[in-house]
Amino acid sequence: MPRSNSRKTDTIPAARRPEVRLPPLVPYDGGGLEPDGDYDGLRFEGTDLADESGPGARFMDCALDGCALDRAELVRARFIDSVLTGVRGVGTDLAGSSLRDVEVVDARLGGVQLHGAVLERVLVRGGKIDYLNLRRARLKDVVFEGCVLSEPDFGDAQLVRVEFRDCVLKRADFSSVRMESVDLRTVAELDIARGVERLAGAVISPAQLMELAPAFAAQIGVRVEV
């Protein structure tokens, strides 16, 4: 019989990445954010949005470059076909917000509130985010690439086709998370504080399996002794 030329295929579908193509943008006039405001085709260049309040605001075809987001109130905001580059801040409130076809590049954020948010076709590349709160959030086709996530909270979130590429996960909380086609194989540092028993639906590497073996054993009550 002829030898089969079929090759082993990947066992997990890849996340669909955003394809953001921004139109010519108009500089933001600095008038301040407004509740339920519409911001279309604008470039926020180094804009200080600290302590601004724009709940329910919509950002479509926008670029935020080097903006300060300290304590910005953006609950239920919508970001569509937009790019956030070098944004920074502590305590940004994006609870219940929606991000679709969005790129977040080289962010430096801390204590970001994204609980109950919906992320679809989102790329987070580079940068560092501390204490990211994604509790009860829904992530679909999301890629974390080359970034550091320190103590992220995915508690009770739903992750579908989510990839962690060459990034660092420190003290991650996966309590009550639901996973489907989650790729953890190329995580540079995988440190799970809680919820290791919720990894059903994820794919890990053989090396990661060995590192997590004590945690898996503890979950089923197995003692490992020499």
Foldseek 3Di string as FASTA:
>chain_A
DDDDPDDDDDPFDAFAAFDFDADQADEDPLPAADALAEAERYEAAQAENAPTEHANYEYESYEYENYEQALYHHAQYEYYSYEYEAYEYENREHDQYEYESYEYEQYEYEHYHHDNYEYGNYEYEAHEYEAAEHDQYEYGRYEYERYEYAAYEDALYEYANYEYAQYEYHQYECHNYAAARYEPAHHPYDHHNYDPVRCVRYDYDPVVCVVCVVVVCVVVPHDDDD
